All heavy atoms as atom14 arrays in JSON, in Angstrom:
{
  "sequence": "FAIPQGTVTLWPPAGVMLGILLLGERRDWPAIVAGGFVGSLGSDIFS",
  "atom14_mask": [
    [1, 1, 1, 1, 1, 1, 1, 1, 1, 1, 1, 0, 0, 0],
    [1, 1, 1, 1, 1, 0, 0, 0, 0, 0, 0, 0, 0, 0],
    [1, 1, 1, 1, 1, 1, 1, 1, 0, 0, 0, 0, 0, 0],
    [1, 1, 1, 1, 1, 1, 1, 0, 0, 0, 0, 0, 0, 0],
    [1, 1, 1, 1, 1, 1, 1, 1, 1, 0, 0, 0, 0, 0],
    [1, 1, 1, 1, 0, 0, 0, 0, 0, 0, 0, 0, 0, 0],
    [1, 1, 1, 1, 1, 1, 1, 0, 0, 0, 0, 0, 0, 0],
    [1, 1, 1, 1, 1, 1, 1, 0, 0, 0, 0, 0, 0, 0],
    [1, 1, 1, 1, 1, 1, 1, 0, 0, 0, 0, 0, 0, 0],
    [1, 1, 1, 1, 1, 1, 1, 1, 0, 0, 0, 0, 0, 0],
    [1, 1, 1, 1, 1, 1, 1, 1, 1, 1, 1, 1, 1, 1],
    [1, 1, 1, 1, 1, 1, 1, 0, 0, 0, 0, 0, 0, 0],
    [1, 1, 1, 1, 1, 1, 1, 0, 0, 0, 0, 0, 0, 0],
    [1, 1, 1, 1, 1, 0, 0, 0, 0, 0, 0, 0, 0, 0],
    [1, 1, 1, 1, 0, 0, 0, 0, 0, 0, 0, 0, 0, 0],
    [1, 1, 1, 1, 1, 1, 1, 0, 0, 0, 0, 0, 0, 0],
    [1, 1, 1, 1, 1, 1, 1, 1, 0, 0, 0, 0, 0, 0],
    [1, 1, 1, 1, 1, 1, 1, 1, 0, 0, 0, 0, 0, 0],
    [1, 1, 1, 1, 0, 0, 0, 0, 0, 0, 0, 0, 0, 0],
    [1, 1, 1, 1, 1, 1, 1, 1, 0, 0, 0, 0, 0, 0],
    [1, 1, 1, 1, 1, 1, 1, 1, 0, 0, 0, 0, 0, 0],
    [1, 1, 1, 1, 1, 1, 1, 1, 0, 0, 0, 0, 0, 0],
    [1, 1, 1, 1, 1, 1, 1, 1, 0, 0, 0, 0, 0, 0],
    [1, 1, 1, 1, 0, 0, 0, 0, 0, 0, 0, 0, 0, 0],
    [1, 1, 1, 1, 1, 1, 1, 1, 1, 0, 0, 0, 0, 0],
    [1, 1, 1, 1, 1, 1, 1, 1, 1, 1, 1, 0, 0, 0],
    [1, 1, 1, 1, 1, 1, 1, 1, 1, 1, 1, 0, 0, 0],
    [1, 1, 1, 1, 1, 1, 1, 1, 0, 0, 0, 0, 0, 0],
    [1, 1, 1, 1, 1, 1, 1, 1, 1, 1, 1, 1, 1, 1],
    [1, 1, 1, 1, 1, 1, 1, 0, 0, 0, 0, 0, 0, 0],
    [1, 1, 1, 1, 1, 0, 0, 0, 0, 0, 0, 0, 0, 0],
    [1, 1, 1, 1, 1, 1, 1, 1, 0, 0, 0, 0, 0, 0],
    [1, 1, 1, 1, 1, 1, 1, 0, 0, 0, 0, 0, 0, 0],
    [1, 1, 1, 1, 1, 0, 0, 0, 0, 0, 0, 0, 0, 0],
    [1, 1, 1, 1, 0, 0, 0, 0, 0, 0, 0, 0, 0, 0],
    [1, 1, 1, 1, 0, 0, 0, 0, 0, 0, 0, 0, 0, 0],
    [1, 1, 1, 1, 1, 1, 1, 1, 1, 1, 1, 0, 0, 0],
    [1, 1, 1, 1, 1, 1, 1, 0, 0, 0, 0, 0, 0, 0],
    [1, 1, 1, 1, 0, 0, 0, 0, 0, 0, 0, 0, 0, 0],
    [1, 1, 1, 1, 1, 1, 0, 0, 0, 0, 0, 0, 0, 0],
    [1, 1, 1, 1, 1, 1, 1, 1, 0, 0, 0, 0, 0, 0],
    [1, 1, 1, 1, 0, 0, 0, 0, 0, 0, 0, 0, 0, 0],
    [1, 1, 1, 1, 1, 1, 0, 0, 0, 0, 0, 0, 0, 0],
    [1, 1, 1, 1, 1, 1, 1, 1, 0, 0, 0, 0, 0, 0],
    [1, 1, 1, 1, 1, 1, 1, 1, 0, 0, 0, 0, 0, 0],
    [1, 1, 1, 1, 1, 1, 1, 1, 1, 1, 1, 0, 0, 0],
    [1, 1, 1, 1, 1, 1, 0, 0, 0, 0, 0, 0, 0, 0]
  ],
  "atom14_positions": [
    [[2.7, 1.77, -11.8], [2.84, 0.45, -12.33], [3.87, 0.17, -13.27], [4.11, -0.84, -13.84], [1.5, -0.01, -13.06], [0.29, -0.24, -12.09], [-0.99, -0.04, -12.38], [0.52, -0.78, -10.7], [-1.93, -0.23, -11.51], [-0.38, -1.06, -9.86], [-1.73, -0.79, -10.3], [0.0, 0.0, 0.0], [0.0, 0.0, 0.0], [0.0, 0.0, 0.0]],
    [[4.66, 1.29, -13.69], [5.7, 1.2, -14.63], [6.8, 0.3, -14.11], [7.24, 0.34, -12.96], [6.28, 2.58, -15.01], [0.0, 0.0, 0.0], [0.0, 0.0, 0.0], [0.0, 0.0, 0.0], [0.0, 0.0, 0.0], [0.0, 0.0, 0.0], [0.0, 0.0, 0.0], [0.0, 0.0, 0.0], [0.0, 0.0, 0.0], [0.0, 0.0, 0.0]],
    [[7.33, -0.56, -15.01], [8.48, -1.35, -14.6], [9.73, -0.58, -14.65], [9.72, 0.49, -15.03], [8.58, -2.69, -15.6], [8.77, -2.12, -17.12], [7.34, -3.46, -15.58], [8.92, -3.31, -17.97], [0.0, 0.0, 0.0], [0.0, 0.0, 0.0], [0.0, 0.0, 0.0], [0.0, 0.0, 0.0], [0.0, 0.0, 0.0], [0.0, 0.0, 0.0]],
    [[10.89, -1.12, -14.07], [12.05, -0.4, -13.99], [12.62, 0.34, -15.21], [13.1, 1.43, -15.13], [13.08, -1.47, -13.45], [12.26, -2.35, -12.64], [10.92, -2.39, -13.44], [0.0, 0.0, 0.0], [0.0, 0.0, 0.0], [0.0, 0.0, 0.0], [0.0, 0.0, 0.0], [0.0, 0.0, 0.0], [0.0, 0.0, 0.0], [0.0, 0.0, 0.0]],
    [[12.31, -0.21, -16.32], [12.72, 0.4, -17.7], [11.9, 1.49, -18.04], [12.18, 2.23, -19.04], [12.86, -0.7, -18.78], [13.93, -1.74, -18.61], [13.6, -2.82, -17.67], [12.42, -2.9, -17.22], [14.5, -3.66, -17.21], [0.0, 0.0, 0.0], [0.0, 0.0, 0.0], [0.0, 0.0, 0.0], [0.0, 0.0, 0.0], [0.0, 0.0, 0.0]],
    [[10.72, 1.71, -17.25], [9.93, 2.9, -17.58], [8.78, 2.53, -18.41], [7.93, 3.35, -18.81], [0.0, 0.0, 0.0], [0.0, 0.0, 0.0], [0.0, 0.0, 0.0], [0.0, 0.0, 0.0], [0.0, 0.0, 0.0], [0.0, 0.0, 0.0], [0.0, 0.0, 0.0], [0.0, 0.0, 0.0], [0.0, 0.0, 0.0], [0.0, 0.0, 0.0]],
    [[8.47, 1.24, -18.7], [7.47, 0.93, -19.62], [6.09, 0.79, -18.67], [6.11, 0.07, -17.77], [7.66, -0.39, -20.3], [8.86, -0.29, -21.09], [6.46, -0.92, -21.18], [0.0, 0.0, 0.0], [0.0, 0.0, 0.0], [0.0, 0.0, 0.0], [0.0, 0.0, 0.0], [0.0, 0.0, 0.0], [0.0, 0.0, 0.0], [0.0, 0.0, 0.0]],
    [[5.06, 1.45, -19.11], [3.81, 1.34, -18.4], [3.01, 0.16, -18.91], [2.61, 0.17, -20.05], [3.0, 2.63, -18.55], [1.65, 2.46, -17.84], [3.79, 3.89, -17.94], [0.0, 0.0, 0.0], [0.0, 0.0, 0.0], [0.0, 0.0, 0.0], [0.0, 0.0, 0.0], [0.0, 0.0, 0.0], [0.0, 0.0, 0.0], [0.0, 0.0, 0.0]],
    [[2.81, -0.84, -18.04], [2.07, -2.11, -18.56], [0.63, -2.0, -18.39], [-0.15, -2.95, -18.89], [2.71, -3.3, -17.8], [2.56, -3.05, -16.4], [4.24, -3.54, -18.11], [0.0, 0.0, 0.0], [0.0, 0.0, 0.0], [0.0, 0.0, 0.0], [0.0, 0.0, 0.0], [0.0, 0.0, 0.0], [0.0, 0.0, 0.0], [0.0, 0.0, 0.0]],
    [[0.16, -1.09, -17.67], [-1.28, -0.96, -17.39], [-1.55, 0.59, -17.28], [-1.04, 1.31, -16.55], [-1.79, -1.5, -16.07], [-3.15, -1.34, -15.61], [-4.07, -1.88, -16.6], [-3.38, -1.96, -14.17], [0.0, 0.0, 0.0], [0.0, 0.0, 0.0], [0.0, 0.0, 0.0], [0.0, 0.0, 0.0], [0.0, 0.0, 0.0], [0.0, 0.0, 0.0]],
    [[-2.51, 1.04, -18.14], [-2.82, 2.55, -18.19], [-4.19, 2.79, -17.85], [-5.16, 2.72, -18.71], [-2.52, 3.02, -19.57], [-2.54, 4.45, -19.8], [-3.33, 5.16, -20.7], [-1.73, 5.47, -19.1], [-3.04, 6.51, -20.45], [-2.0, 6.68, -19.58], [-0.71, 5.38, -18.15], [-1.49, 7.91, -19.08], [-0.08, 6.56, -17.61], [-0.48, 7.79, -18.05]],
    [[-4.58, 2.9, -16.53], [-5.93, 3.05, -16.06], [-6.7, 4.27, -16.71], [-7.83, 4.16, -16.88], [-5.78, 3.21, -14.61], [-4.41, 2.64, -14.26], [-3.66, 2.85, -15.47], [0.0, 0.0, 0.0], [0.0, 0.0, 0.0], [0.0, 0.0, 0.0], [0.0, 0.0, 0.0], [0.0, 0.0, 0.0], [0.0, 0.0, 0.0], [0.0, 0.0, 0.0]],
    [[-6.05, 5.29, -17.02], [-6.86, 6.45, -17.66], [-7.53, 6.15, -18.92], [-8.6, 6.72, -19.16], [-5.78, 7.57, -17.92], [-4.66, 7.2, -17.0], [-4.66, 5.77, -16.93], [0.0, 0.0, 0.0], [0.0, 0.0, 0.0], [0.0, 0.0, 0.0], [0.0, 0.0, 0.0], [0.0, 0.0, 0.0], [0.0, 0.0, 0.0], [0.0, 0.0, 0.0]],
    [[-7.1, 5.08, -19.79], [-7.8, 4.68, -20.83], [-9.14, 4.13, -20.55], [-10.07, 4.33, -21.15], [-6.97, 3.67, -21.63], [0.0, 0.0, 0.0], [0.0, 0.0, 0.0], [0.0, 0.0, 0.0], [0.0, 0.0, 0.0], [0.0, 0.0, 0.0], [0.0, 0.0, 0.0], [0.0, 0.0, 0.0], [0.0, 0.0, 0.0], [0.0, 0.0, 0.0]],
    [[-9.18, 3.33, -19.41], [-10.45, 2.76, -19.01], [-11.39, 3.81, -18.39], [-12.65, 3.76, -18.55], [0.0, 0.0, 0.0], [0.0, 0.0, 0.0], [0.0, 0.0, 0.0], [0.0, 0.0, 0.0], [0.0, 0.0, 0.0], [0.0, 0.0, 0.0], [0.0, 0.0, 0.0], [0.0, 0.0, 0.0], [0.0, 0.0, 0.0], [0.0, 0.0, 0.0]],
    [[-10.78, 4.79, -17.6], [-11.51, 5.84, -17.04], [-12.21, 6.7, -18.1], [-13.39, 6.86, -18.01], [-10.68, 6.65, -16.12], [-11.51, 7.89, -15.7], [-10.09, 5.89, -14.87], [0.0, 0.0, 0.0], [0.0, 0.0, 0.0], [0.0, 0.0, 0.0], [0.0, 0.0, 0.0], [0.0, 0.0, 0.0], [0.0, 0.0, 0.0], [0.0, 0.0, 0.0]],
    [[-11.53, 7.13, -19.23], [-12.08, 7.87, -20.17], [-13.09, 7.11, -20.86], [-14.1, 7.72, -21.47], [-10.97, 8.36, -21.21], [-10.03, 9.54, -20.56], [-11.12, 10.93, -20.23], [-11.44, 11.4, -21.86], [0.0, 0.0, 0.0], [0.0, 0.0, 0.0], [0.0, 0.0, 0.0], [0.0, 0.0, 0.0], [0.0, 0.0, 0.0], [0.0, 0.0, 0.0]],
    [[-12.89, 5.82, -21.37], [-13.82, 5.02, -22.04], [-15.11, 4.98, -21.26], [-16.17, 5.08, -21.8], [-13.29, 3.76, -22.47], [-14.26, 2.74, -23.2], [-14.67, 3.48, -24.5], [-13.56, 1.51, -23.43], [0.0, 0.0, 0.0], [0.0, 0.0, 0.0], [0.0, 0.0, 0.0], [0.0, 0.0, 0.0], [0.0, 0.0, 0.0], [0.0, 0.0, 0.0]],
    [[-14.97, 4.58, -19.91], [-16.21, 4.48, -19.13], [-17.0, 5.71, -19.08], [-18.22, 5.78, -19.18], [0.0, 0.0, 0.0], [0.0, 0.0, 0.0], [0.0, 0.0, 0.0], [0.0, 0.0, 0.0], [0.0, 0.0, 0.0], [0.0, 0.0, 0.0], [0.0, 0.0, 0.0], [0.0, 0.0, 0.0], [0.0, 0.0, 0.0], [0.0, 0.0, 0.0]],
    [[-16.34, 6.84, -18.91], [-17.06, 8.08, -18.68], [-17.7, 8.47, -20.12], [-18.79, 9.2, -20.08], [-16.03, 9.21, -18.27], [-15.51, 8.98, -16.84], [-16.7, 10.64, -18.44], [-14.57, 9.96, -16.51], [0.0, 0.0, 0.0], [0.0, 0.0, 0.0], [0.0, 0.0, 0.0], [0.0, 0.0, 0.0], [0.0, 0.0, 0.0], [0.0, 0.0, 0.0]],
    [[-16.95, 8.33, -21.14], [-17.62, 8.69, -22.42], [-18.79, 7.74, -22.77], [-19.76, 8.23, -23.29], [-16.45, 8.45, -23.59], [-15.46, 9.58, -23.61], [-14.35, 9.18, -24.52], [-16.07, 10.93, -24.13], [0.0, 0.0, 0.0], [0.0, 0.0, 0.0], [0.0, 0.0, 0.0], [0.0, 0.0, 0.0], [0.0, 0.0, 0.0], [0.0, 0.0, 0.0]],
    [[-18.76, 6.47, -22.39], [-19.85, 5.52, -22.64], [-21.01, 5.98, -21.84], [-22.29, 5.74, -22.31], [-19.42, 4.15, -22.49], [-18.42, 3.57, -23.46], [-18.08, 2.17, -23.02], [-19.0, 3.62, -24.88], [0.0, 0.0, 0.0], [0.0, 0.0, 0.0], [0.0, 0.0, 0.0], [0.0, 0.0, 0.0], [0.0, 0.0, 0.0], [0.0, 0.0, 0.0]],
    [[-20.82, 6.37, -20.56], [-21.94, 6.94, -19.8], [-22.51, 8.24, -20.11], [-23.69, 8.54, -19.79], [-21.48, 6.82, -18.4], [-21.24, 5.36, -17.7], [-20.54, 5.5, -16.45], [-22.47, 4.54, -17.66], [0.0, 0.0, 0.0], [0.0, 0.0, 0.0], [0.0, 0.0, 0.0], [0.0, 0.0, 0.0], [0.0, 0.0, 0.0], [0.0, 0.0, 0.0]],
    [[-21.62, 9.13, -20.51], [-22.0, 10.46, -20.82], [-22.98, 10.66, -22.04], [-22.9, 9.75, -22.97], [0.0, 0.0, 0.0], [0.0, 0.0, 0.0], [0.0, 0.0, 0.0], [0.0, 0.0, 0.0], [0.0, 0.0, 0.0], [0.0, 0.0, 0.0], [0.0, 0.0, 0.0], [0.0, 0.0, 0.0], [0.0, 0.0, 0.0], [0.0, 0.0, 0.0]],
    [[-23.5, 11.87, -22.14], [-24.28, 12.14, -23.34], [-23.38, 12.56, -24.4], [-22.33, 13.28, -24.1], [-25.35, 13.14, -23.07], [-26.42, 12.64, -21.92], [-27.45, 13.7, -21.56], [-27.53, 14.59, -22.4], [-28.11, 13.57, -20.64], [0.0, 0.0, 0.0], [0.0, 0.0, 0.0], [0.0, 0.0, 0.0], [0.0, 0.0, 0.0], [0.0, 0.0, 0.0]],
    [[-23.76, 12.49, -25.69], [-22.96, 12.99, -26.72], [-22.65, 14.5, -26.72], [-21.53, 14.92, -26.91], [-23.59, 12.8, -28.04], [-23.6, 11.29, -28.48], [-22.15, 11.01, -29.19], [-21.97, 9.69, -29.73], [-22.38, 9.34, -31.0], [-22.76, 10.22, -31.7], [-22.19, 8.08, -31.4], [0.0, 0.0, 0.0], [0.0, 0.0, 0.0], [0.0, 0.0, 0.0]],
    [[-23.68, 15.33, -26.14], [-23.45, 16.74, -26.01], [-22.29, 17.0, -25.03], [-21.8, 18.17, -25.0], [-24.66, 17.48, -25.77], [-25.32, 17.02, -24.45], [-26.67, 17.65, -24.28], [-27.4, 17.17, -23.01], [-27.4, 17.94, -21.97], [-26.88, 19.08, -21.93], [-27.99, 17.48, -20.88], [0.0, 0.0, 0.0], [0.0, 0.0, 0.0], [0.0, 0.0, 0.0]],
    [[-22.03, 16.12, -24.03], [-21.01, 16.38, -23.17], [-19.63, 15.85, -23.59], [-18.69, 16.1, -22.85], [-21.31, 15.65, -21.84], [-22.59, 16.23, -21.14], [-22.86, 17.45, -21.51], [-23.39, 15.59, -20.48], [0.0, 0.0, 0.0], [0.0, 0.0, 0.0], [0.0, 0.0, 0.0], [0.0, 0.0, 0.0], [0.0, 0.0, 0.0], [0.0, 0.0, 0.0]],
    [[-19.53, 15.13, -24.59], [-18.3, 14.56, -25.14], [-17.2, 15.54, -25.33], [-16.05, 15.4, -24.9], [-18.49, 13.73, -26.34], [-18.95, 12.36, -26.1], [-19.57, 11.89, -24.92], [-18.94, 11.24, -26.95], [-19.91, 10.58, -25.06], [-19.51, 10.17, -26.27], [-18.55, 11.07, -28.25], [-19.68, 8.9, -26.84], [-18.63, 9.79, -28.78], [-19.23, 8.71, -28.16]],
    [[-17.51, 16.77, -25.84], [-16.34, 17.69, -26.0], [-15.77, 18.15, -24.69], [-14.56, 18.25, -24.49], [-16.97, 18.89, -26.64], [-18.06, 18.36, -27.48], [-18.64, 17.12, -26.65], [0.0, 0.0, 0.0], [0.0, 0.0, 0.0], [0.0, 0.0, 0.0], [0.0, 0.0, 0.0], [0.0, 0.0, 0.0], [0.0, 0.0, 0.0], [0.0, 0.0, 0.0]],
    [[-16.58, 18.39, -23.63], [-16.13, 18.68, -22.34], [-15.33, 17.61, -21.7], [-14.35, 17.71, -21.04], [-17.31, 19.01, -21.4], [0.0, 0.0, 0.0], [0.0, 0.0, 0.0], [0.0, 0.0, 0.0], [0.0, 0.0, 0.0], [0.0, 0.0, 0.0], [0.0, 0.0, 0.0], [0.0, 0.0, 0.0], [0.0, 0.0, 0.0], [0.0, 0.0, 0.0]],
    [[-15.79, 16.33, -21.9], [-15.13, 15.19, -21.34], [-13.68, 14.91, -21.98], [-12.72, 14.76, -21.3], [-16.03, 13.89, -21.65], [-17.25, 13.99, -20.8], [-15.3, 12.6, -21.22], [-18.27, 12.93, -21.06], [0.0, 0.0, 0.0], [0.0, 0.0, 0.0], [0.0, 0.0, 0.0], [0.0, 0.0, 0.0], [0.0, 0.0, 0.0], [0.0, 0.0, 0.0]],
    [[-13.66, 15.08, -23.35], [-12.42, 14.8, -23.98], [-11.49, 16.1, -23.64], [-10.2, 15.83, -23.41], [-12.7, 14.97, -25.56], [-11.33, 14.96, -26.31], [-13.35, 13.79, -25.95], [0.0, 0.0, 0.0], [0.0, 0.0, 0.0], [0.0, 0.0, 0.0], [0.0, 0.0, 0.0], [0.0, 0.0, 0.0], [0.0, 0.0, 0.0], [0.0, 0.0, 0.0]],
    [[-12.09, 17.27, -23.52], [-11.09, 18.4, -23.02], [-10.62, 18.12, -21.67], [-9.36, 18.5, -21.4], [-11.91, 19.7, -23.01], [0.0, 0.0, 0.0], [0.0, 0.0, 0.0], [0.0, 0.0, 0.0], [0.0, 0.0, 0.0], [0.0, 0.0, 0.0], [0.0, 0.0, 0.0], [0.0, 0.0, 0.0], [0.0, 0.0, 0.0], [0.0, 0.0, 0.0]],
    [[-11.41, 17.63, -20.81], [-10.93, 17.25, -19.41], [-9.98, 16.13, -19.48], [-8.8, 16.26, -18.7], [0.0, 0.0, 0.0], [0.0, 0.0, 0.0], [0.0, 0.0, 0.0], [0.0, 0.0, 0.0], [0.0, 0.0, 0.0], [0.0, 0.0, 0.0], [0.0, 0.0, 0.0], [0.0, 0.0, 0.0], [0.0, 0.0, 0.0], [0.0, 0.0, 0.0]],
    [[-10.05, 15.22, -20.29], [-8.97, 14.09, -20.48], [-7.72, 14.73, -21.02], [-6.67, 14.33, -20.64], [0.0, 0.0, 0.0], [0.0, 0.0, 0.0], [0.0, 0.0, 0.0], [0.0, 0.0, 0.0], [0.0, 0.0, 0.0], [0.0, 0.0, 0.0], [0.0, 0.0, 0.0], [0.0, 0.0, 0.0], [0.0, 0.0, 0.0], [0.0, 0.0, 0.0]],
    [[-7.84, 15.54, -21.96], [-6.65, 16.22, -22.6], [-5.9, 17.0, -21.5], [-4.63, 16.89, -21.28], [-7.03, 17.19, -23.68], [-5.88, 17.93, -24.38], [-5.27, 17.17, -25.39], [-5.34, 19.0, -23.87], [-4.18, 17.81, -26.08], [-4.31, 19.62, -24.57], [-3.67, 19.02, -25.66], [0.0, 0.0, 0.0], [0.0, 0.0, 0.0], [0.0, 0.0, 0.0]],
    [[-6.56, 17.74, -20.78], [-5.93, 18.64, -19.65], [-5.29, 17.66, -18.61], [-4.19, 17.87, -18.11], [-6.92, 19.58, -19.01], [-6.27, 20.16, -17.68], [-7.35, 20.55, -20.01], [0.0, 0.0, 0.0], [0.0, 0.0, 0.0], [0.0, 0.0, 0.0], [0.0, 0.0, 0.0], [0.0, 0.0, 0.0], [0.0, 0.0, 0.0], [0.0, 0.0, 0.0]],
    [[-6.04, 16.64, -18.2], [-5.43, 15.64, -17.14], [-4.18, 14.96, -17.69], [-3.31, 14.74, -17.01], [0.0, 0.0, 0.0], [0.0, 0.0, 0.0], [0.0, 0.0, 0.0], [0.0, 0.0, 0.0], [0.0, 0.0, 0.0], [0.0, 0.0, 0.0], [0.0, 0.0, 0.0], [0.0, 0.0, 0.0], [0.0, 0.0, 0.0], [0.0, 0.0, 0.0]],
    [[-4.21, 14.58, -18.98], [-3.04, 13.83, -19.58], [-1.96, 14.87, -19.66], [-0.76, 14.44, -19.3], [-3.5, 13.35, -20.91], [-2.37, 12.76, -21.59], [0.0, 0.0, 0.0], [0.0, 0.0, 0.0], [0.0, 0.0, 0.0], [0.0, 0.0, 0.0], [0.0, 0.0, 0.0], [0.0, 0.0, 0.0], [0.0, 0.0, 0.0], [0.0, 0.0, 0.0]],
    [[-2.14, 16.03, -20.08], [-1.16, 17.03, -20.19], [-0.52, 17.33, -18.87], [0.79, 17.23, -18.73], [-1.66, 18.31, -20.73], [-0.72, 19.44, -21.08], [0.36, 19.13, -22.13], [-1.52, 20.75, -21.46], [0.0, 0.0, 0.0], [0.0, 0.0, 0.0], [0.0, 0.0, 0.0], [0.0, 0.0, 0.0], [0.0, 0.0, 0.0], [0.0, 0.0, 0.0]],
    [[-1.37, 17.46, -17.88], [-0.77, 17.83, -16.56], [-0.07, 16.55, -15.94], [1.02, 16.83, -15.24], [0.0, 0.0, 0.0], [0.0, 0.0, 0.0], [0.0, 0.0, 0.0], [0.0, 0.0, 0.0], [0.0, 0.0, 0.0], [0.0, 0.0, 0.0], [0.0, 0.0, 0.0], [0.0, 0.0, 0.0], [0.0, 0.0, 0.0], [0.0, 0.0, 0.0]],
    [[-0.48, 15.36, -16.1], [0.09, 14.34, -15.47], [1.51, 14.01, -16.13], [2.39, 13.65, -15.43], [-0.78, 12.95, -15.69], [-0.87, 12.64, -17.03], [0.0, 0.0, 0.0], [0.0, 0.0, 0.0], [0.0, 0.0, 0.0], [0.0, 0.0, 0.0], [0.0, 0.0, 0.0], [0.0, 0.0, 0.0], [0.0, 0.0, 0.0], [0.0, 0.0, 0.0]],
    [[1.57, 14.22, -17.47], [2.89, 14.01, -18.05], [3.85, 15.03, -17.68], [5.04, 14.79, -17.51], [2.69, 14.02, -19.63], [2.16, 12.69, -20.07], [2.09, 11.78, -19.34], [1.91, 12.59, -21.3], [0.0, 0.0, 0.0], [0.0, 0.0, 0.0], [0.0, 0.0, 0.0], [0.0, 0.0, 0.0], [0.0, 0.0, 0.0], [0.0, 0.0, 0.0]],
    [[3.55, 16.36, -17.58], [4.37, 17.44, -17.21], [4.79, 17.22, -15.82], [5.9, 17.46, -15.44], [3.72, 18.84, -17.41], [3.38, 19.02, -19.0], [4.58, 19.86, -16.67], [2.65, 20.35, -19.24], [0.0, 0.0, 0.0], [0.0, 0.0, 0.0], [0.0, 0.0, 0.0], [0.0, 0.0, 0.0], [0.0, 0.0, 0.0], [0.0, 0.0, 0.0]],
    [[3.75, 16.87, -14.91], [4.19, 16.55, -13.54], [5.21, 15.48, -13.33], [5.99, 15.47, -12.46], [2.85, 16.23, -12.85], [2.99, 15.95, -11.29], [3.22, 17.0, -10.45], [3.1, 14.68, -10.83], [3.38, 16.67, -8.96], [3.25, 14.35, -9.55], [3.47, 15.31, -8.61], [0.0, 0.0, 0.0], [0.0, 0.0, 0.0], [0.0, 0.0, 0.0]],
    [[5.15, 14.57, -14.36], [6.05, 13.37, -14.25], [7.31, 13.62, -14.98], [8.18, 12.63, -15.16], [5.36, 12.03, -14.91], [4.2, 11.73, -14.24], [0.0, 0.0, 0.0], [0.0, 0.0, 0.0], [0.0, 0.0, 0.0], [0.0, 0.0, 0.0], [0.0, 0.0, 0.0], [0.0, 0.0, 0.0], [0.0, 0.0, 0.0], [0.0, 0.0, 0.0]]
  ]
}
């Protein structure tokens, strides 16, 4: 969705992470956040 100048105008992962955290149990939050960190790291390096 990035425009030609490279600006991302819609960032779906923010909504994905918020939805998963709100549905998940507190004890699972560290694993969820760790997964988000790995996914974000991998996507940026891949890009």
